[in-house]
Every structure is written in C-alpha cells, then in structure tokens.
PDB file of all heavy atoms in Angstrom:
ATOM      1  N   LEU A   1       5.564  -0.841  -6.735  1.00  0.00           N
ATOM      2  CA  LEU A   1       6.556  -1.276  -5.745  1.00  0.00           C
ATOM      3  C   LEU A   1       5.820  -1.586  -4.377  1.00  0.00           C
ATOM      4  O   LEU A   1       5.005  -0.770  -3.941  1.00  0.00           O
ATOM      5  CB  LEU A   1       7.600  -0.197  -5.480  1.00  0.00           C
ATOM      6  CG  LEU A   1       8.722  -0.601  -4.517  1.00  0.00           C
ATOM      7  CD1 LEU A   1      10.079  -0.284  -5.111  1.00  0.00           C
ATOM      8  CD2 LEU A   1       8.587   0.159  -3.213  1.00  0.00           C
ATOM      9  N   GLN A   2       6.101  -2.737  -3.857  1.00  0.00           N
ATOM     10  CA  GLN A   2       5.499  -3.152  -2.592  1.00  0.00           C
ATOM     11  C   GLN A   2       6.181  -2.425  -1.419  1.00  0.00           C
ATOM     12  O   GLN A   2       7.365  -2.254  -1.424  1.00  0.00           O
ATOM     13  CB  GLN A   2       5.546  -4.634  -2.411  1.00  0.00           C
ATOM     14  CG  GLN A   2       4.733  -5.356  -3.511  1.00  0.00           C
ATOM     15  CD  GLN A   2       4.990  -6.858  -3.556  1.00  0.00           C
ATOM     16  OE1 GLN A   2       5.822  -7.411  -2.874  1.00  0.00           O
ATOM     17  NE2 GLN A   2       4.252  -7.542  -4.427  1.00  0.00           N
ATOM     18  N   LYS A   3       5.402  -2.088  -0.390  1.00  0.00           N
ATOM     19  CA  LYS A   3       5.888  -1.280   0.731  1.00  0.00           C
ATOM     20  C   LYS A   3       7.130  -1.788   1.333  1.00  0.00           C
ATOM     21  O   LYS A   3       8.008  -1.034   1.700  1.00  0.00           O
ATOM     22  CB  LYS A   3       4.741  -1.170   1.764  1.00  0.00           C
ATOM     23  CG  LYS A   3       5.112  -0.385   3.031  1.00  0.00           C
ATOM     24  CD  LYS A   3       5.386   1.050   2.777  1.00  0.00           C
ATOM     25  CE  LYS A   3       5.655   1.833   4.064  1.00  0.00           C
ATOM     26  NZ  LYS A   3       5.994   3.249   3.828  1.00  0.00           N
ATOM     27  N   LYS A   4       7.228  -3.090   1.508  1.00  0.00           N
ATOM     28  CA  LYS A   4       8.428  -3.663   2.174  1.00  0.00           C
ATOM     29  C   LYS A   4       9.721  -3.452   1.446  1.00  0.00           C
ATOM     30  O   LYS A   4      10.833  -3.562   2.027  1.00  0.00           O
ATOM     31  CB  LYS A   4       8.197  -5.161   2.456  1.00  0.00           C
ATOM     32  CG  LYS A   4       8.051  -6.035   1.235  1.00  0.00           C
ATOM     33  CD  LYS A   4       7.811  -7.458   1.592  1.00  0.00           C
ATOM     34  CE  LYS A   4       7.551  -8.344   0.373  1.00  0.00           C
ATOM     35  NZ  LYS A   4       7.277  -9.757   0.794  1.00  0.00           N
ATOM     36  N   TYR A   5       9.607  -3.079   0.108  1.00  0.00           N
ATOM     37  CA  TYR A   5      10.800  -2.889  -0.684  1.00  0.00           C
ATOM     38  C   TYR A   5      11.078  -1.419  -0.877  1.00  0.00           C
ATOM     39  O   TYR A   5      12.009  -1.055  -1.693  1.00  0.00           O
ATOM     40  CB  TYR A   5      10.661  -3.524  -2.048  1.00  0.00           C
ATOM     41  CG  TYR A   5      10.511  -5.071  -1.942  1.00  0.00           C
ATOM     42  CD1 TYR A   5       9.378  -5.717  -2.387  1.00  0.00           C
ATOM     43  CD2 TYR A   5      11.559  -5.823  -1.474  1.00  0.00           C
ATOM     44  CE1 TYR A   5       9.241  -7.121  -2.306  1.00  0.00           C
ATOM     45  CE2 TYR A   5      11.456  -7.217  -1.400  1.00  0.00           C
ATOM     46  CZ  TYR A   5      10.282  -7.868  -1.778  1.00  0.00           C
ATOM     47  OH  TYR A   5      10.133  -9.252  -1.736  1.00  0.00           O
ATOM     48  N   GLU A   6      10.415  -0.552  -0.259  1.00  0.00           N
ATOM     49  CA  GLU A   6      10.618   0.871  -0.432  1.00  0.00           C
ATOM     50  C   GLU A   6      12.063   1.276   0.019  1.00  0.00           C
ATOM     51  O   GLU A   6      12.576   0.877   1.014  1.00  0.00           O
ATOM     52  CB  GLU A   6       9.583   1.707   0.347  1.00  0.00           C
ATOM     53  CG  GLU A   6       9.735   3.215   0.092  1.00  0.00           C
ATOM     54  CD  GLU A   6       8.528   4.031   0.539  1.00  0.00           C
ATOM     55  OE1 GLU A   6       8.288   4.109   1.729  1.00  0.00           O
ATOM     56  OE2 GLU A   6       7.789   4.499  -0.335  1.00  0.00           O
ATOM     57  N   SER A   7      12.627   2.145  -0.854  1.00  0.00           N
ATOM     58  CA  SER A   7      13.980   2.613  -0.553  1.00  0.00           C
ATOM     59  C   SER A   7      14.253   3.873  -1.426  1.00  0.00           C
ATOM     60  O   SER A   7      13.286   4.308  -2.049  1.00  0.00           O
ATOM     61  CB  SER A   7      15.058   1.554  -0.899  1.00  0.00           C
ATOM     62  OG  SER A   7      15.114   1.409  -2.332  1.00  0.00           O
ATOM     63  N   PHE A   8      15.470   4.327  -1.449  1.00  0.00           N
ATOM     64  CA  PHE A   8      15.815   5.470  -2.266  1.00  0.00           C
ATOM     65  C   PHE A   8      15.660   5.178  -3.714  1.00  0.00           C
ATOM     66  O   PHE A   8      15.584   6.174  -4.521  1.00  0.00           O
ATOM     67  CB  PHE A   8      17.237   5.900  -1.918  1.00  0.00           C
ATOM     68  CG  PHE A   8      17.676   7.231  -2.402  1.00  0.00           C
ATOM     69  CD1 PHE A   8      16.850   8.358  -2.193  1.00  0.00           C
ATOM     70  CD2 PHE A   8      18.832   7.401  -3.109  1.00  0.00           C
ATOM     71  CE1 PHE A   8      17.182   9.599  -2.658  1.00  0.00           C
ATOM     72  CE2 PHE A   8      19.195   8.650  -3.603  1.00  0.00           C
ATOM     73  CZ  PHE A   8      18.428   9.786  -3.345  1.00  0.00           C
ATOM     74  N   VAL A   9      15.631   3.910  -4.112  1.00  0.00           N
ATOM     75  CA  VAL A   9      15.402   3.585  -5.529  1.00  0.00           C
ATOM     76  C   VAL A   9      14.009   3.105  -5.796  1.00  0.00           C
ATOM     77  O   VAL A   9      13.740   2.439  -6.833  1.00  0.00           O
ATOM     78  CB  VAL A   9      16.454   2.535  -6.001  1.00  0.00           C
ATOM     79  CG1 VAL A   9      17.821   3.142  -6.123  1.00  0.00           C
ATOM     80  CG2 VAL A   9      16.471   1.294  -5.138  1.00  0.00           C
ATOM     81  N   GLY A  10      13.050   3.465  -4.971  1.00  0.00           N
ATOM     82  CA  GLY A  10      11.683   3.119  -5.216  1.00  0.00           C
ATOM     83  C   GLY A  10      10.699   3.582  -4.185  1.00  0.00           C
ATOM     84  O   GLY A  10      10.818   3.241  -3.023  1.00  0.00           O
ATOM     85  N   VAL A  11       9.702   4.359  -4.629  1.00  0.00           N
ATOM     86  CA  VAL A  11       8.646   4.820  -3.748  1.00  0.00           C
ATOM     87  C   VAL A  11       7.440   3.865  -3.881  1.00  0.00           C
ATOM     88  O   VAL A  11       7.094   3.470  -5.001  1.00  0.00           O
ATOM     89  CB  VAL A  11       8.209   6.264  -4.112  1.00  0.00           C
ATOM     90  CG1 VAL A  11       7.046   6.742  -3.231  1.00  0.00           C
ATOM     91  CG2 VAL A  11       9.413   7.219  -3.955  1.00  0.00           C
ATOM     92  N   THR A  12       6.901   3.502  -2.751  1.00  0.00           N
ATOM     93  CA  THR A  12       5.757   2.566  -2.713  1.00  0.00           C
ATOM     94  C   THR A  12       4.665   3.009  -3.738  1.00  0.00           C
ATOM     95  O   THR A  12       4.338   4.176  -3.818  1.00  0.00           O
ATOM     96  CB  THR A  12       5.096   2.574  -1.305  1.00  0.00           C
ATOM     97  OG1 THR A  12       6.087   2.139  -0.353  1.00  0.00           O
ATOM     98  CG2 THR A  12       3.915   1.641  -1.240  1.00  0.00           C
ATOM     99  N   SER A  13       4.140   2.010  -4.449  1.00  0.00           N
ATOM    100  CA  SER A  13       3.021   2.095  -5.373  1.00  0.00           C
ATOM    101  C   SER A  13       3.377   2.496  -6.787  1.00  0.00           C
ATOM    102  O   SER A  13       2.550   2.393  -7.674  1.00  0.00           O
ATOM    103  CB  SER A  13       1.921   3.058  -4.856  1.00  0.00           C
ATOM    104  OG  SER A  13       2.257   4.411  -5.038  1.00  0.00           O
ATOM    105  N   VAL A  14       4.638   2.915  -7.043  1.00  0.00           N
ATOM    106  CA  VAL A  14       5.017   3.357  -8.352  1.00  0.00           C
ATOM    107  C   VAL A  14       5.571   2.226  -9.174  1.00  0.00           C
ATOM    108  O   VAL A  14       6.449   1.476  -8.671  1.00  0.00           O
ATOM    109  CB  VAL A  14       6.049   4.527  -8.287  1.00  0.00           C
ATOM    110  CG1 VAL A  14       6.516   4.959  -9.682  1.00  0.00           C
ATOM    111  CG2 VAL A  14       5.472   5.706  -7.495  1.00  0.00           C
ATOM    112  N   PRO A  15       5.156   1.998 -10.403  1.00  0.00           N
ATOM    113  CA  PRO A  15       5.733   0.909 -11.202  1.00  0.00           C
ATOM    114  C   PRO A  15       7.108   1.206 -11.724  1.00  0.00           C
ATOM    115  O   PRO A  15       7.630   2.355 -11.667  1.00  0.00           O
ATOM    116  CB  PRO A  15       4.740   0.752 -12.343  1.00  0.00           C
ATOM    117  CG  PRO A  15       4.136   2.118 -12.476  1.00  0.00           C
ATOM    118  CD  PRO A  15       4.113   2.714 -11.110  1.00  0.00           C
ATOM    119  N   HIS A  16       7.777   0.224 -12.333  1.00  0.00           N
ATOM    120  CA  HIS A  16       9.126   0.365 -12.782  1.00  0.00           C
ATOM    121  C   HIS A  16       9.318   1.501 -13.792  1.00  0.00           C
ATOM    122  O   HIS A  16      10.221   2.319 -13.670  1.00  0.00           O
ATOM    123  CB  HIS A  16       9.584  -0.925 -13.449  1.00  0.00           C
ATOM    124  CG  HIS A  16       9.577  -2.123 -12.508  1.00  0.00           C
ATOM    125  ND1 HIS A  16       8.358  -2.767 -12.164  1.00  0.00           N
ATOM    126  CD2 HIS A  16      10.529  -2.782 -11.851  1.00  0.00           C
ATOM    127  CE1 HIS A  16       8.617  -3.802 -11.393  1.00  0.00           C
ATOM    128  NE2 HIS A  16       9.933  -3.779 -11.151  1.00  0.00           N
ATOM    129  N   ARG A  17       8.450   1.591 -14.744  1.00  0.00           N
ATOM    130  CA  ARG A  17       8.384   2.685 -15.730  1.00  0.00           C
ATOM    131  C   ARG A  17       7.032   3.323 -15.592  1.00  0.00           C
ATOM    132  O   ARG A  17       6.011   2.761 -15.896  1.00  0.00           O
ATOM    133  CB  ARG A  17       8.618   2.200 -17.174  1.00  0.00           C
ATOM    134  CG  ARG A  17       8.491   3.267 -18.226  1.00  0.00           C
ATOM    135  CD  ARG A  17       8.851   2.701 -19.624  1.00  0.00           C
ATOM    136  NE  ARG A  17       8.545   3.724 -20.659  1.00  0.00           N
ATOM    137  CZ  ARG A  17       8.734   3.520 -21.972  1.00  0.00           C
ATOM    138  NH1 ARG A  17       9.214   2.319 -22.387  1.00  0.00           N
ATOM    139  NH2 ARG A  17       8.430   4.439 -22.853  1.00  0.00           N
ATOM    140  N   HIS A  18       6.994   4.577 -15.061  1.00  0.00           N
ATOM    141  CA  HIS A  18       5.731   5.167 -14.578  1.00  0.00           C
ATOM    142  C   HIS A  18       4.916   5.916 -15.674  1.00  0.00           C
ATOM    143  O   HIS A  18       3.743   6.203 -15.428  1.00  0.00           O
ATOM    144  CB  HIS A  18       6.012   6.054 -13.398  1.00  0.00           C
ATOM    145  CG  HIS A  18       7.087   7.039 -13.602  1.00  0.00           C
ATOM    146  ND1 HIS A  18       6.993   8.165 -14.410  1.00  0.00           N
ATOM    147  CD2 HIS A  18       8.332   7.147 -13.016  1.00  0.00           C
ATOM    148  CE1 HIS A  18       8.099   8.850 -14.405  1.00  0.00           C
ATOM    149  NE2 HIS A  18       8.994   8.283 -13.605  1.00  0.00           N
ATOM    150  N   GLY A  19       5.541   6.339 -16.743  1.00  0.00           N
ATOM    151  CA  GLY A  19       4.764   6.982 -17.846  1.00  0.00           C
ATOM    152  C   GLY A  19       4.278   8.387 -17.522  1.00  0.00           C
ATOM    153  O   GLY A  19       3.385   8.924 -18.224  1.00  0.00           O
ATOM    154  N   LEU A  20       4.879   9.067 -16.507  1.00  0.00           N
ATOM    155  CA  LEU A  20       4.500  10.421 -16.125  1.00  0.00           C
ATOM    156  C   LEU A  20       5.688  11.356 -16.341  1.00  0.00           C
ATOM    157  O   LEU A  20       6.823  10.907 -16.239  1.00  0.00           O
ATOM    158  CB  LEU A  20       4.004  10.481 -14.675  1.00  0.00           C
ATOM    159  CG  LEU A  20       2.790   9.668 -14.278  1.00  0.00           C
ATOM    160  CD1 LEU A  20       2.620   9.660 -12.801  1.00  0.00           C
ATOM    161  CD2 LEU A  20       1.575  10.290 -14.978  1.00  0.00           C
ATOM    162  N   ASN A  21       5.409  12.613 -16.591  1.00  0.00           N
ATOM    163  CA  ASN A  21       6.549  13.564 -16.529  1.00  0.00           C
ATOM    164  C   ASN A  21       6.780  13.907 -15.079  1.00  0.00           C
ATOM    165  O   ASN A  21       6.019  13.513 -14.155  1.00  0.00           O
ATOM    166  CB  ASN A  21       6.237  14.805 -17.397  1.00  0.00           C
ATOM    167  CG  ASN A  21       5.064  15.591 -16.923  1.00  0.00           C
ATOM    168  OD1 ASN A  21       4.923  15.958 -15.761  1.00  0.00           O
ATOM    169  ND2 ASN A  21       4.161  15.943 -17.854  1.00  0.00           N
ATOM    170  N   GLY A  22       7.862  14.610 -14.810  1.00  0.00           N
ATOM    171  CA  GLY A  22       8.272  14.896 -13.397  1.00  0.00           C
ATOM    172  C   GLY A  22       7.183  15.604 -12.590  1.00  0.00           C
ATOM    173  O   GLY A  22       6.928  15.261 -11.442  1.00  0.00           O
ATOM    174  N   SER A  23       6.571  16.628 -13.182  1.00  0.00           N
ATOM    175  CA  SER A  23       5.596  17.400 -12.397  1.00  0.00           C
ATOM    176  C   SER A  23       4.372  16.556 -12.098  1.00  0.00           C
ATOM    177  O   SER A  23       3.733  16.656 -11.064  1.00  0.00           O
ATOM    178  CB  SER A  23       5.184  18.676 -13.190  1.00  0.00           C
ATOM    179  OG  SER A  23       4.722  18.390 -14.484  1.00  0.00           O
ATOM    180  N   GLU A  24       3.992  15.658 -13.046  1.00  0.00           N
ATOM    181  CA  GLU A  24       2.848  14.789 -12.798  1.00  0.00           C
ATOM    182  C   GLU A  24       3.161  13.760 -11.705  1.00  0.00           C
ATOM    183  O   GLU A  24       2.285  13.527 -10.867  1.00  0.00           O
ATOM    184  CB  GLU A  24       2.484  14.049 -14.108  1.00  0.00           C
ATOM    185  CG  GLU A  24       1.857  14.964 -15.168  1.00  0.00           C
ATOM    186  CD  GLU A  24       1.871  14.318 -16.565  1.00  0.00           C
ATOM    187  OE1 GLU A  24       2.500  13.270 -16.751  1.00  0.00           O
ATOM    188  OE2 GLU A  24       1.149  14.849 -17.442  1.00  0.00           O
ATOM    189  N   LEU A  25       4.351  13.222 -11.706  1.00  0.00           N
ATOM    190  CA  LEU A  25       4.702  12.295 -10.672  1.00  0.00           C
ATOM    191  C   LEU A  25       4.749  12.934  -9.278  1.00  0.00           C
ATOM    192  O   LEU A  25       4.261  12.375  -8.293  1.00  0.00           O
ATOM    193  CB  LEU A  25       6.065  11.603 -10.954  1.00  0.00           C
ATOM    194  CG  LEU A  25       6.477  10.494 -10.000  1.00  0.00           C
ATOM    195  CD1 LEU A  25       5.450   9.378  -9.933  1.00  0.00           C
ATOM    196  CD2 LEU A  25       7.869   9.951 -10.297  1.00  0.00           C
ATOM    197  N   LEU A  26       5.215  14.184  -9.186  1.00  0.00           N
ATOM    198  CA  LEU A  26       5.242  14.871  -7.915  1.00  0.00           C
ATOM    199  C   LEU A  26       3.838  15.200  -7.462  1.00  0.00           C
ATOM    200  O   LEU A  26       3.502  15.183  -6.293  1.00  0.00           O
ATOM    201  CB  LEU A  26       6.106  16.125  -8.012  1.00  0.00           C
ATOM    202  CG  LEU A  26       7.595  15.855  -8.262  1.00  0.00           C
ATOM    203  CD1 LEU A  26       8.380  17.221  -8.300  1.00  0.00           C
ATOM    204  CD2 LEU A  26       8.177  14.932  -7.168  1.00  0.00           C
ATOM    205  N   GLN A  27       2.927  15.558  -8.398  1.00  0.00           N
ATOM    206  CA  GLN A  27       1.515  15.775  -8.058  1.00  0.00           C
ATOM    207  C   GLN A  27       0.922  14.507  -7.600  1.00  0.00           C
ATOM    208  O   GLN A  27       0.099  14.510  -6.609  1.00  0.00           O
ATOM    209  CB  GLN A  27       0.785  16.317  -9.243  1.00  0.00           C
ATOM    210  CG  GLN A  27      -0.647  16.765  -8.969  1.00  0.00           C
ATOM    211  CD  GLN A  27      -0.755  17.894  -7.934  1.00  0.00           C
ATOM    212  OE1 GLN A  27      -0.258  18.965  -8.198  1.00  0.00           O
ATOM    213  NE2 GLN A  27      -1.326  17.638  -6.774  1.00  0.00           N
ATOM    214  N   TYR A  28       1.290  13.385  -8.189  1.00  0.00           N
ATOM    215  CA  TYR A  28       0.792  12.100  -7.727  1.00  0.00           C
ATOM    216  C   TYR A  28       1.214  11.853  -6.260  1.00  0.00           C
ATOM    217  O   TYR A  28       0.393  11.414  -5.436  1.00  0.00           O
ATOM    218  CB  TYR A  28       1.358  10.972  -8.584  1.00  0.00           C
ATOM    219  CG  TYR A  28       1.119   9.548  -8.024  1.00  0.00           C
ATOM    220  CD1 TYR A  28      -0.089   8.969  -8.136  1.00  0.00           C
ATOM    221  CD2 TYR A  28       2.156   8.914  -7.353  1.00  0.00           C
ATOM    222  CE1 TYR A  28      -0.328   7.707  -7.581  1.00  0.00           C
ATOM    223  CE2 TYR A  28       1.958   7.685  -6.799  1.00  0.00           C
ATOM    224  CZ  TYR A  28       0.714   7.046  -6.920  1.00  0.00           C
ATOM    225  OH  TYR A  28       0.527   5.824  -6.344  1.00  0.00           O
ATOM    226  N   TYR A  29       2.435  12.177  -5.931  1.00  0.00           N
ATOM    227  CA  TYR A  29       2.929  11.977  -4.566  1.00  0.00           C
ATOM    228  C   TYR A  29       2.147  12.871  -3.574  1.00  0.00           C
ATOM    229  O   TYR A  29       1.782  12.427  -2.515  1.00  0.00           O
ATOM    230  CB  TYR A  29       4.398  12.319  -4.423  1.00  0.00           C
ATOM    231  CG  TYR A  29       5.332  11.364  -5.116  1.00  0.00           C
ATOM    232  CD1 TYR A  29       6.595  11.780  -5.645  1.00  0.00           C
ATOM    233  CD2 TYR A  29       5.039  10.020  -5.182  1.00  0.00           C
ATOM    234  CE1 TYR A  29       7.474  10.884  -6.243  1.00  0.00           C
ATOM    235  CE2 TYR A  29       5.919   9.126  -5.801  1.00  0.00           C
ATOM    236  CZ  TYR A  29       7.078   9.566  -6.318  1.00  0.00           C
ATOM    237  OH  TYR A  29       7.936   8.644  -6.906  1.00  0.00           O
ATOM    238  N   VAL A  30       1.865  14.100  -3.962  1.00  0.00           N
ATOM    239  CA  VAL A  30       1.052  14.979  -3.083  1.00  0.00           C
ATOM    240  C   VAL A  30      -0.351  14.376  -2.841  1.00  0.00           C
ATOM    241  O   VAL A  30      -0.794  14.383  -1.697  1.00  0.00           O
ATOM    242  CB  VAL A  30       0.939  16.374  -3.714  1.00  0.00           C
ATOM    243  CG1 VAL A  30      -0.094  17.203  -2.957  1.00  0.00           C
ATOM    244  CG2 VAL A  30       2.326  17.091  -3.702  1.00  0.00           C
ATOM    245  N   ASN A  31      -0.908  13.861  -3.918  1.00  0.00           N
ATOM    246  CA  ASN A  31      -2.240  13.271  -3.818  1.00  0.00           C
ATOM    247  C   ASN A  31      -2.285  11.935  -3.049  1.00  0.00           C
ATOM    248  O   ASN A  31      -3.118  11.765  -2.098  1.00  0.00           O
ATOM    249  CB  ASN A  31      -2.926  13.053  -5.172  1.00  0.00           C
ATOM    250  CG  ASN A  31      -3.049  14.348  -5.944  1.00  0.00           C
ATOM    251  OD1 ASN A  31      -2.989  15.450  -5.374  1.00  0.00           O
ATOM    252  ND2 ASN A  31      -3.271  14.252  -7.276  1.00  0.00           N
ATOM    253  N   GLU A  32      -1.370  11.047  -3.439  1.00  0.00           N
ATOM    254  CA  GLU A  32      -1.342   9.746  -2.884  1.00  0.00           C
ATOM    255  C   GLU A  32      -0.975   9.683  -1.414  1.00  0.00           C
ATOM    256  O   GLU A  32      -1.569   8.850  -0.631  1.00  0.00           O
ATOM    257  CB  GLU A  32      -0.324   8.875  -3.678  1.00  0.00           C
ATOM    258  CG  GLU A  32      -0.235   7.407  -3.270  1.00  0.00           C
ATOM    259  CD  GLU A  32      -1.396   6.566  -3.689  1.00  0.00           C
ATOM    260  OE1 GLU A  32      -2.277   7.056  -4.429  1.00  0.00           O
ATOM    261  OE2 GLU A  32      -1.440   5.418  -3.304  1.00  0.00           O
ATOM    262  N   PHE A  33      -0.071  10.563  -0.965  1.00  0.00           N
ATOM    263  CA  PHE A  33       0.386  10.507   0.405  1.00  0.00           C
ATOM    264  C   PHE A  33      -0.132  11.692   1.270  1.00  0.00           C
ATOM    265  O   PHE A  33       0.322  11.995   2.326  1.00  0.00           O
ATOM    266  CB  PHE A  33       1.895  10.478   0.414  1.00  0.00           C
ATOM    267  CG  PHE A  33       2.404   9.244  -0.298  1.00  0.00           C
ATOM    268  CD1 PHE A  33       2.998   9.377  -1.589  1.00  0.00           C
ATOM    269  CD2 PHE A  33       2.365   7.975   0.277  1.00  0.00           C
ATOM    270  CE1 PHE A  33       3.514   8.248  -2.192  1.00  0.00           C
ATOM    271  CE2 PHE A  33       2.854   6.898  -0.389  1.00  0.00           C
ATOM    272  CZ  PHE A  33       3.411   7.023  -1.649  1.00  0.00           C
ATOM    273  N   TYR A  34      -1.156  12.394   0.693  1.00  0.00           N
ATOM    274  CA  TYR A  34      -1.844  13.436   1.422  1.00  0.00           C
ATOM    275  C   TYR A  34      -0.865  14.514   2.029  1.00  0.00           C
ATOM    276  O   TYR A  34      -0.878  14.799   3.171  1.00  0.00           O
ATOM    277  CB  TYR A  34      -2.717  12.887   2.534  1.00  0.00           C
ATOM    278  CG  TYR A  34      -3.761  11.876   2.053  1.00  0.00           C
ATOM    279  CD1 TYR A  34      -3.481  10.524   2.166  1.00  0.00           C
ATOM    280  CD2 TYR A  34      -4.930  12.286   1.412  1.00  0.00           C
ATOM    281  CE1 TYR A  34      -4.413   9.566   1.705  1.00  0.00           C
ATOM    282  CE2 TYR A  34      -5.829  11.394   0.981  1.00  0.00           C
ATOM    283  CZ  TYR A  34      -5.604  10.049   1.071  1.00  0.00           C
ATOM    284  OH  TYR A  34      -6.500   9.087   0.662  1.00  0.00           O
ATOM    285  N   LEU A  35      -0.005  14.999   1.128  1.00  0.00           N
ATOM    286  CA  LEU A  35       0.971  15.939   1.585  1.00  0.00           C
ATOM    287  C   LEU A  35       0.446  17.360   1.644  1.00  0.00           C
ATOM    288  O   LEU A  35      -0.288  17.796   0.781  1.00  0.00           O
ATOM    289  CB  LEU A  35       2.212  15.893   0.687  1.00  0.00           C
ATOM    290  CG  LEU A  35       2.855  14.549   0.491  1.00  0.00           C
ATOM    291  CD1 LEU A  35       4.088  14.636  -0.409  1.00  0.00           C
ATOM    292  CD2 LEU A  35       3.315  14.011   1.843  1.00  0.00           C
ATOM    293  N   ASP A  36       0.773  18.049   2.708  1.00  0.00           N
ATOM    294  CA  ASP A  36       0.367  19.481   2.903  1.00  0.00           C
ATOM    295  C   ASP A  36       1.293  20.390   2.174  1.00  0.00           C
ATOM    296  O   ASP A  36       2.179  21.034   2.796  1.00  0.00           O
ATOM    297  CB  ASP A  36       0.291  19.762   4.420  1.00  0.00           C
ATOM    298  CG  ASP A  36      -0.221  21.158   4.729  1.00  0.00           C
ATOM    299  OD1 ASP A  36      -0.678  21.812   3.809  1.00  0.00           O
ATOM    300  OD2 ASP A  36      -0.085  21.598   5.917  1.00  0.00           O
ATOM    301  N   VAL A  37       1.175  20.404   0.864  1.00  0.00           N
ATOM    302  CA  VAL A  37       2.078  21.187   0.018  1.00  0.00           C
ATOM    303  C   VAL A  37       1.311  21.877  -1.090  1.00  0.00           C
ATOM    304  O   VAL A  37       0.502  21.180  -1.796  1.00  0.00           O
ATOM    305  CB  VAL A  37       3.204  20.311  -0.601  1.00  0.00           C
ATOM    306  CG1 VAL A  37       4.096  21.171  -1.497  1.00  0.00           C
ATOM    307  CG2 VAL A  37       4.016  19.607   0.472  1.00  0.00           C
TER     308      VAL A  37
END
C-alpha cells in the first residue's frame, strides 16, 4: 500500500494479502515503524 492511500483499511507497505499470522504482522509493525514496544 502506497503512503498516500493509508487509512483504517490499509497500513503503508503491507500488500493486499500479507501471508503472515497476526503476531508476525504486529512484530513487522514494531520493526518497520521503530515502535518503542
């Protein structure tokens, strides 16, 4: 997903079907966006 289209139905950089389980996708968010969590 391109940044200009980010919304509640799409986080930037994630494809339409992401192929990850929930915990993996949340870990991706922590890594990708440098979250202090």
